[in-house]
Amino acid sequence: MDNESPFDYKLSIAGDKFKGKAATEFGGQKVEFDIERKREKKDK
């Protein structure tokens, strides 16, 4: 069984944050979603 799922994405990075959009095809339908993440800071 082939479990590959290629993604198309576009991200922008600013400091400790990145955000953008991604898309993939799943079950013959195109699925799009937003991505927004921030780097986790470790306590000293």
C-alpha atoms as a PDB file:
ATOM      1  CA  MET A   1       0.000   0.000   0.000  1.00  0.00           C
ATOM      2  CA  ASP A   2       1.347   3.407  -1.002  1.00  0.00           C
ATOM      3  CA  ASN A   3       1.077   5.899   1.885  1.00  0.00           C
ATOM      4  CA  GLU A   4       2.670   8.931   0.246  1.00  0.00           C
ATOM      5  CA  SER A   5       0.934  12.302   0.604  1.00  0.00           C
ATOM      6  CA  PRO A   6       2.849  15.113  -1.094  1.00  0.00           C
ATOM      7  CA  PHE A   7       2.140  18.606   0.257  1.00  0.00           C
ATOM      8  CA  ASP A   8       2.313  21.960  -1.466  1.00  0.00           C
ATOM      9  CA  TYR A   9       3.074  24.701   1.025  1.00  0.00           C
ATOM     10  CA  LYS A  10       4.103  28.313   1.315  1.00  0.00           C
ATOM     11  CA  LEU A  11       5.475  29.610   4.621  1.00  0.00           C
ATOM     12  CA  SER A  12       6.880  32.865   5.901  1.00  0.00           C
ATOM     13  CA  ILE A  13       9.235  33.011   8.890  1.00  0.00           C
ATOM     14  CA  ALA A  14       9.593  35.996  11.203  1.00  0.00           C
ATOM     15  CA  GLY A  15      11.647  35.607  14.361  1.00  0.00           C
ATOM     16  CA  ASP A  16      10.250  32.701  16.400  1.00  0.00           C
ATOM     17  CA  LYS A  17       7.042  32.404  14.333  1.00  0.00           C
ATOM     18  CA  PHE A  18       6.100  30.946  10.991  1.00  0.00           C
ATOM     19  CA  LYS A  19       2.793  30.855   9.179  1.00  0.00           C
ATOM     20  CA  GLY A  20       1.395  30.017   5.796  1.00  0.00           C
ATOM     21  CA  LYS A  21      -0.847  27.673   3.835  1.00  0.00           C
ATOM     22  CA  ALA A  22      -0.581  24.022   2.799  1.00  0.00           C
ATOM     23  CA  ALA A  23      -2.549  21.772   0.459  1.00  0.00           C
ATOM     24  CA  THR A  24      -2.641  18.070  -0.373  1.00  0.00           C
ATOM     25  CA  GLU A  25      -4.917  15.641  -2.152  1.00  0.00           C
ATOM     26  CA  PHE A  26      -6.675  13.046  -0.002  1.00  0.00           C
ATOM     27  CA  GLY A  27      -9.232  10.583  -1.309  1.00  0.00           C
ATOM     28  CA  GLY A  28      -9.407  12.417  -4.625  1.00  0.00           C
ATOM     29  CA  GLN A  29     -10.250  15.737  -2.967  1.00  0.00           C
ATOM     30  CA  LYS A  30      -7.951  18.699  -2.454  1.00  0.00           C
ATOM     31  CA  VAL A  31      -7.576  19.638   1.212  1.00  0.00           C
ATOM     32  CA  GLU A  32      -6.189  23.056   2.178  1.00  0.00           C
ATOM     33  CA  PHE A  33      -5.299  24.352   5.619  1.00  0.00           C
ATOM     34  CA  ASP A  34      -3.568  27.239   7.387  1.00  0.00           C
ATOM     35  CA  ILE A  35      -0.402  26.772   9.433  1.00  0.00           C
ATOM     36  CA  GLU A  36       0.695  29.047  12.270  1.00  0.00           C
ATOM     37  CA  ARG A  37       3.288  28.056  14.861  1.00  0.00           C
ATOM     38  CA  LYS A  38       5.601  29.645  17.403  1.00  0.00           C
ATOM     39  CA  ARG A  39       8.871  28.224  18.731  1.00  0.00           C
ATOM     40  CA  GLU A  40       8.558  26.901  22.254  1.00  0.00           C
ATOM     41  CA  LYS A  41      10.875  28.610  24.721  1.00  0.00           C
ATOM     42  CA  LYS A  42      12.673  26.388  27.221  1.00  0.00           C
ATOM     43  CA  ASP A  43      12.714  27.425  30.879  1.00  0.00           C
ATOM     44  CA  LYS A  44      16.185  27.929  32.321  1.00  0.00           C
END
